[in-house]
Amino acid sequence: MLRRKLMSVFLLYVFLFPMFAFGQAAAPAPYQAPKEVIQKIKDEGTKNSQIMQTLSYLTDVIGGRLTNSPNMKRANEWTRDQMKKWGMQNAHLEAWGPFGRGWSLKGSVKSCWFPKYVN
């Protein structure tokens, strides 16, 4: 009988002690922004968005931006200038590791062989 009680206490100690000793406190509730702040962000995104103008300039005017290409440099500088224009205080370019040579595509030729060759 005593042996059974000691074994029960030992098992409780083995299984419950780690839970209390190493258990984490209850997680704090996630931050809930005031509704007027959320509404202000939504209004800015839906009424004053410049996403289409920005995307159009980056894709149609500057074009493809392969790593270390002249267009990548133009896009980086244009983005930095836009951020400064929008009021961001520390907009700057940072150097990154050695990459090697950059390149850009001047043109390409495509031919269709199927169903009929077109030149």
N, C-alpha and C. Protein backbone atom coordinates (compact mmCIF):
# COMPACT_ATOMS: atom_id res chain seq x y z
N MET A 1 0.82 -1.19 0.00
CA MET A 1 0.00 0.00 0.00
C MET A 1 0.87 1.26 0.00
N LEU A 2 1.86 1.26 0.89
CA LEU A 2 2.78 2.39 0.95
C LEU A 2 3.56 2.51 -0.36
N ARG A 3 3.92 1.39 -0.88
CA ARG A 3 4.65 1.37 -2.14
C ARG A 3 3.80 1.98 -3.27
N ARG A 4 2.54 1.69 -3.31
CA ARG A 4 1.62 2.22 -4.32
C ARG A 4 1.48 3.74 -4.18
N LYS A 5 1.38 4.22 -2.94
CA LYS A 5 1.26 5.67 -2.70
C LYS A 5 2.55 6.37 -3.11
N LEU A 6 3.69 5.78 -2.77
CA LEU A 6 4.96 6.39 -3.15
C LEU A 6 5.12 6.42 -4.67
N MET A 7 4.71 5.34 -5.31
CA MET A 7 4.79 5.30 -6.78
C MET A 7 3.86 6.35 -7.39
N SER A 8 2.68 6.54 -6.84
CA SER A 8 1.74 7.55 -7.34
C SER A 8 2.31 8.94 -7.18
N VAL A 9 2.89 9.24 -6.03
CA VAL A 9 3.49 10.55 -5.79
C VAL A 9 4.66 10.77 -6.74
N PHE A 10 5.48 9.74 -6.92
CA PHE A 10 6.62 9.84 -7.82
C PHE A 10 6.17 10.13 -9.25
N LEU A 11 5.16 9.42 -9.74
CA LEU A 11 4.68 9.63 -11.10
C LEU A 11 4.07 11.02 -11.27
N LEU A 12 3.33 11.48 -10.29
CA LEU A 12 2.79 12.85 -10.36
C LEU A 12 3.93 13.86 -10.42
N TYR A 13 4.94 13.63 -9.59
CA TYR A 13 6.08 14.52 -9.56
C TYR A 13 6.80 14.53 -10.91
N VAL A 14 7.00 13.35 -11.48
CA VAL A 14 7.71 13.24 -12.75
C VAL A 14 6.94 13.90 -13.89
N PHE A 15 5.64 13.76 -13.93
CA PHE A 15 4.87 14.29 -15.05
C PHE A 15 4.38 15.72 -14.86
N LEU A 16 4.11 16.12 -13.62
CA LEU A 16 3.58 17.46 -13.40
C LEU A 16 4.64 18.49 -13.10
N PHE A 17 5.73 18.11 -12.46
CA PHE A 17 6.75 19.10 -12.12
C PHE A 17 7.32 19.80 -13.35
N PRO A 18 7.69 19.07 -14.41
CA PRO A 18 8.22 19.77 -15.59
C PRO A 18 7.21 20.76 -16.19
N MET A 19 5.94 20.41 -16.13
CA MET A 19 4.93 21.30 -16.70
C MET A 19 4.89 22.62 -15.92
N PHE A 20 5.01 22.55 -14.60
CA PHE A 20 4.97 23.78 -13.80
C PHE A 20 6.31 24.50 -13.82
N ALA A 21 7.38 23.74 -13.82
CA ALA A 21 8.71 24.36 -13.77
C ALA A 21 9.09 25.00 -15.10
N PHE A 22 8.78 24.33 -16.21
CA PHE A 22 9.22 24.81 -17.51
C PHE A 22 8.08 25.31 -18.39
N GLY A 23 6.89 25.29 -17.88
CA GLY A 23 5.74 25.73 -18.67
C GLY A 23 5.80 27.22 -18.92
N GLN A 24 5.17 27.64 -19.97
CA GLN A 24 5.17 29.05 -20.31
C GLN A 24 3.92 29.70 -19.76
N ALA A 25 4.05 30.98 -19.52
CA ALA A 25 2.89 31.74 -19.06
C ALA A 25 1.89 31.85 -20.20
N ALA A 26 0.69 32.17 -19.87
CA ALA A 26 -0.35 32.32 -20.88
C ALA A 26 0.06 33.43 -21.85
N ALA A 27 -0.20 33.23 -23.11
CA ALA A 27 0.16 34.21 -24.14
C ALA A 27 -0.69 35.46 -23.96
N PRO A 28 -0.04 36.63 -24.11
CA PRO A 28 -0.82 37.86 -24.02
C PRO A 28 -1.77 37.99 -25.21
N ALA A 29 -2.82 38.71 -25.02
CA ALA A 29 -3.79 38.91 -26.10
C ALA A 29 -3.12 39.71 -27.22
N PRO A 30 -3.42 39.39 -28.49
CA PRO A 30 -2.81 40.14 -29.60
C PRO A 30 -3.29 41.59 -29.59
N TYR A 31 -2.43 42.47 -30.09
CA TYR A 31 -2.75 43.89 -30.14
C TYR A 31 -3.90 44.13 -31.11
N GLN A 32 -4.85 44.90 -30.68
CA GLN A 32 -5.97 45.30 -31.54
C GLN A 32 -5.88 46.81 -31.77
N ALA A 33 -5.61 47.19 -33.00
CA ALA A 33 -5.53 48.61 -33.34
C ALA A 33 -6.92 49.23 -33.26
N PRO A 34 -6.97 50.50 -32.90
CA PRO A 34 -8.26 51.19 -32.88
C PRO A 34 -8.90 51.18 -34.28
N LYS A 35 -10.21 51.09 -34.32
CA LYS A 35 -10.91 51.00 -35.60
C LYS A 35 -10.66 52.20 -36.51
N GLU A 36 -10.51 53.39 -35.92
CA GLU A 36 -10.27 54.57 -36.76
C GLU A 36 -8.91 54.50 -37.44
N VAL A 37 -7.93 53.89 -36.80
CA VAL A 37 -6.62 53.73 -37.41
C VAL A 37 -6.71 52.74 -38.57
N ILE A 38 -7.40 51.64 -38.37
CA ILE A 38 -7.57 50.65 -39.43
C ILE A 38 -8.32 51.26 -40.61
N GLN A 39 -9.34 52.03 -40.33
CA GLN A 39 -10.11 52.68 -41.39
C GLN A 39 -9.25 53.69 -42.15
N LYS A 40 -8.38 54.40 -41.44
CA LYS A 40 -7.49 55.37 -42.09
C LYS A 40 -6.53 54.66 -43.05
N ILE A 41 -6.01 53.50 -42.63
CA ILE A 41 -5.12 52.73 -43.49
C ILE A 41 -5.87 52.22 -44.72
N LYS A 42 -7.09 51.73 -44.53
CA LYS A 42 -7.90 51.25 -45.66
C LYS A 42 -8.20 52.38 -46.64
N ASP A 43 -8.56 53.56 -46.11
CA ASP A 43 -8.85 54.70 -46.99
C ASP A 43 -7.62 55.11 -47.79
N GLU A 44 -6.46 55.10 -47.14
CA GLU A 44 -5.23 55.47 -47.84
C GLU A 44 -4.96 54.49 -48.97
N GLY A 45 -5.18 53.20 -48.72
CA GLY A 45 -4.91 52.19 -49.73
C GLY A 45 -5.90 52.20 -50.87
N THR A 46 -7.16 52.54 -50.60
CA THR A 46 -8.18 52.49 -51.66
C THR A 46 -8.36 53.82 -52.38
N LYS A 47 -8.13 54.94 -51.71
CA LYS A 47 -8.39 56.24 -52.34
C LYS A 47 -7.14 56.95 -52.83
N ASN A 48 -6.02 56.75 -52.16
CA ASN A 48 -4.80 57.48 -52.52
C ASN A 48 -3.69 56.56 -53.03
N SER A 49 -4.03 55.36 -53.42
CA SER A 49 -3.01 54.40 -53.83
C SER A 49 -2.34 54.83 -55.12
N GLN A 50 -1.03 54.64 -55.17
CA GLN A 50 -0.26 54.94 -56.37
C GLN A 50 0.35 53.66 -56.93
N ILE A 51 -0.23 52.53 -56.58
CA ILE A 51 0.35 51.24 -56.96
C ILE A 51 0.39 51.06 -58.47
N MET A 52 -0.65 51.45 -59.18
CA MET A 52 -0.67 51.23 -60.62
C MET A 52 0.34 52.13 -61.33
N GLN A 53 0.50 53.37 -60.89
CA GLN A 53 1.49 54.25 -61.50
C GLN A 53 2.91 53.73 -61.22
N THR A 54 3.13 53.28 -59.99
CA THR A 54 4.45 52.75 -59.63
C THR A 54 4.76 51.49 -60.42
N LEU A 55 3.82 50.56 -60.46
CA LEU A 55 4.02 49.32 -61.19
C LEU A 55 4.21 49.58 -62.68
N SER A 56 3.44 50.49 -63.23
CA SER A 56 3.55 50.81 -64.65
C SER A 56 4.93 51.38 -64.97
N TYR A 57 5.43 52.28 -64.14
CA TYR A 57 6.74 52.87 -64.40
C TYR A 57 7.83 51.81 -64.32
N LEU A 58 7.77 50.97 -63.28
CA LEU A 58 8.81 49.95 -63.11
C LEU A 58 8.80 48.93 -64.23
N THR A 59 7.63 48.55 -64.72
CA THR A 59 7.57 47.50 -65.74
C THR A 59 7.63 48.04 -67.16
N ASP A 60 6.91 49.13 -67.45
CA ASP A 60 6.83 49.64 -68.82
C ASP A 60 7.98 50.57 -69.20
N VAL A 61 8.43 51.40 -68.25
CA VAL A 61 9.48 52.37 -68.56
C VAL A 61 10.87 51.78 -68.30
N ILE A 62 11.07 51.27 -67.08
CA ILE A 62 12.39 50.72 -66.74
C ILE A 62 12.55 49.32 -67.33
N GLY A 63 11.55 48.49 -67.25
CA GLY A 63 11.61 47.16 -67.84
C GLY A 63 12.21 46.12 -66.92
N GLY A 64 12.69 45.02 -67.51
CA GLY A 64 13.23 43.91 -66.75
C GLY A 64 14.45 44.32 -65.94
N ARG A 65 14.60 43.72 -64.77
CA ARG A 65 15.68 44.10 -63.88
C ARG A 65 16.47 42.86 -63.47
N LEU A 66 17.34 42.39 -64.34
CA LEU A 66 18.19 41.26 -64.00
C LEU A 66 19.23 41.72 -62.99
N THR A 67 19.70 40.80 -62.17
CA THR A 67 20.65 41.14 -61.12
C THR A 67 21.89 41.78 -61.72
N ASN A 68 22.26 42.92 -61.14
CA ASN A 68 23.45 43.68 -61.51
C ASN A 68 23.38 44.26 -62.92
N SER A 69 22.18 44.44 -63.44
CA SER A 69 22.03 45.01 -64.78
C SER A 69 21.84 46.53 -64.66
N PRO A 70 22.02 47.25 -65.76
CA PRO A 70 21.77 48.70 -65.73
C PRO A 70 20.32 49.03 -65.33
N ASN A 71 19.36 48.22 -65.78
CA ASN A 71 17.96 48.48 -65.40
C ASN A 71 17.73 48.28 -63.91
N MET A 72 18.45 47.36 -63.30
CA MET A 72 18.31 47.17 -61.86
C MET A 72 18.81 48.43 -61.14
N LYS A 73 19.91 48.97 -61.60
CA LYS A 73 20.44 50.19 -60.98
C LYS A 73 19.45 51.34 -61.16
N ARG A 74 18.88 51.48 -62.35
CA ARG A 74 17.89 52.54 -62.59
C ARG A 74 16.67 52.37 -61.69
N ALA A 75 16.19 51.12 -61.57
CA ALA A 75 15.02 50.86 -60.73
C ALA A 75 15.31 51.15 -59.27
N ASN A 76 16.49 50.77 -58.79
CA ASN A 76 16.86 51.04 -57.40
C ASN A 76 16.92 52.53 -57.13
N GLU A 77 17.54 53.27 -58.04
CA GLU A 77 17.64 54.72 -57.85
C GLU A 77 16.28 55.38 -57.92
N TRP A 78 15.44 54.96 -58.86
CA TRP A 78 14.10 55.54 -58.99
C TRP A 78 13.28 55.27 -57.73
N THR A 79 13.38 54.04 -57.19
CA THR A 79 12.64 53.69 -55.99
C THR A 79 13.12 54.52 -54.80
N ARG A 80 14.43 54.68 -54.67
CA ARG A 80 14.97 55.51 -53.59
C ARG A 80 14.45 56.94 -53.70
N ASP A 81 14.47 57.50 -54.91
CA ASP A 81 14.01 58.87 -55.12
C ASP A 81 12.52 59.00 -54.80
N GLN A 82 11.72 57.99 -55.20
CA GLN A 82 10.28 58.01 -54.89
C GLN A 82 10.05 58.00 -53.38
N MET A 83 10.80 57.16 -52.68
CA MET A 83 10.64 57.09 -51.22
C MET A 83 10.98 58.42 -50.56
N LYS A 84 12.03 59.08 -51.06
CA LYS A 84 12.37 60.40 -50.53
C LYS A 84 11.26 61.40 -50.82
N LYS A 85 10.71 61.31 -52.04
CA LYS A 85 9.62 62.21 -52.43
C LYS A 85 8.38 61.99 -51.56
N TRP A 86 8.14 60.76 -51.15
CA TRP A 86 7.00 60.43 -50.30
C TRP A 86 7.23 60.78 -48.83
N GLY A 87 8.44 61.23 -48.50
CA GLY A 87 8.71 61.69 -47.14
C GLY A 87 9.47 60.71 -46.26
N MET A 88 9.96 59.64 -46.82
CA MET A 88 10.75 58.71 -46.00
C MET A 88 12.11 59.33 -45.74
N GLN A 89 12.55 59.31 -44.50
CA GLN A 89 13.72 60.07 -44.10
C GLN A 89 15.04 59.39 -44.42
N ASN A 90 15.12 58.08 -44.35
CA ASN A 90 16.41 57.41 -44.49
C ASN A 90 16.45 56.51 -45.73
N ALA A 91 15.88 56.98 -46.81
CA ALA A 91 15.88 56.19 -48.04
C ALA A 91 17.26 56.28 -48.68
N HIS A 92 17.93 55.14 -48.78
CA HIS A 92 19.26 55.10 -49.38
C HIS A 92 19.52 53.71 -49.94
N LEU A 93 20.51 53.64 -50.82
CA LEU A 93 20.90 52.36 -51.40
C LEU A 93 22.04 51.78 -50.57
N GLU A 94 22.05 50.47 -50.45
CA GLU A 94 23.12 49.79 -49.73
C GLU A 94 23.83 48.83 -50.68
N ALA A 95 25.13 48.75 -50.53
CA ALA A 95 25.91 47.82 -51.34
C ALA A 95 25.67 46.41 -50.82
N TRP A 96 25.75 45.46 -51.71
CA TRP A 96 25.63 44.06 -51.31
C TRP A 96 26.75 43.28 -51.95
N GLY A 97 26.98 42.10 -51.46
CA GLY A 97 28.13 41.26 -51.79
C GLY A 97 28.55 41.22 -53.23
N PRO A 98 29.71 40.67 -53.48
CA PRO A 98 30.19 40.59 -54.86
C PRO A 98 29.31 39.64 -55.67
N PHE A 99 28.92 40.08 -56.83
CA PHE A 99 28.07 39.25 -57.68
C PHE A 99 28.79 38.85 -58.95
N GLY A 100 29.59 39.74 -59.46
CA GLY A 100 30.23 39.48 -60.75
C GLY A 100 29.68 40.41 -61.80
N ARG A 101 29.70 39.96 -63.01
CA ARG A 101 29.25 40.80 -64.12
C ARG A 101 27.73 40.86 -64.18
N GLY A 102 27.25 41.99 -64.62
CA GLY A 102 25.84 42.13 -64.91
C GLY A 102 25.65 42.11 -66.42
N TRP A 103 24.46 41.89 -66.85
CA TRP A 103 24.20 41.87 -68.28
C TRP A 103 22.76 42.30 -68.52
N SER A 104 22.52 42.68 -69.77
CA SER A 104 21.16 43.05 -70.16
C SER A 104 20.91 42.51 -71.56
N LEU A 105 19.67 42.24 -71.84
CA LEU A 105 19.28 41.68 -73.12
C LEU A 105 18.94 42.82 -74.07
N LYS A 106 19.63 42.87 -75.20
CA LYS A 106 19.39 43.94 -76.17
C LYS A 106 18.27 43.58 -77.14
N GLY A 107 18.10 42.30 -77.42
CA GLY A 107 17.06 41.89 -78.34
C GLY A 107 17.02 40.38 -78.43
N SER A 108 15.99 39.87 -79.08
CA SER A 108 15.89 38.42 -79.26
C SER A 108 15.11 38.13 -80.54
N VAL A 109 15.33 36.92 -81.06
CA VAL A 109 14.64 36.48 -82.26
C VAL A 109 13.91 35.19 -81.92
N LYS A 110 12.67 35.10 -82.34
CA LYS A 110 11.86 33.91 -82.08
C LYS A 110 11.27 33.43 -83.39
N SER A 111 11.24 32.12 -83.55
CA SER A 111 10.63 31.53 -84.74
C SER A 111 9.67 30.44 -84.31
N CYS A 112 8.62 30.30 -85.07
CA CYS A 112 7.63 29.26 -84.80
C CYS A 112 7.76 28.17 -85.88
N TRP A 113 8.03 26.95 -85.47
CA TRP A 113 8.17 25.83 -86.40
C TRP A 113 6.92 25.01 -86.53
N PHE A 114 6.04 25.11 -85.58
CA PHE A 114 4.85 24.28 -85.62
C PHE A 114 3.64 25.16 -85.42
N PRO A 115 2.62 25.11 -86.15
CA PRO A 115 2.32 24.20 -87.23
C PRO A 115 2.97 24.60 -88.55
N LYS A 116 3.49 25.83 -88.65
CA LYS A 116 4.08 26.26 -89.90
C LYS A 116 5.19 27.25 -89.56
N TYR A 117 6.28 27.18 -90.27
CA TYR A 117 7.40 28.09 -90.01
C TYR A 117 7.00 29.50 -90.40
N VAL A 118 7.24 30.44 -89.50
CA VAL A 118 6.95 31.84 -89.76
C VAL A 118 8.24 32.62 -89.49
N ASN A 119 8.68 33.40 -90.46
CA ASN A 119 9.92 34.12 -90.30
C ASN A 119 9.66 35.61 -90.21
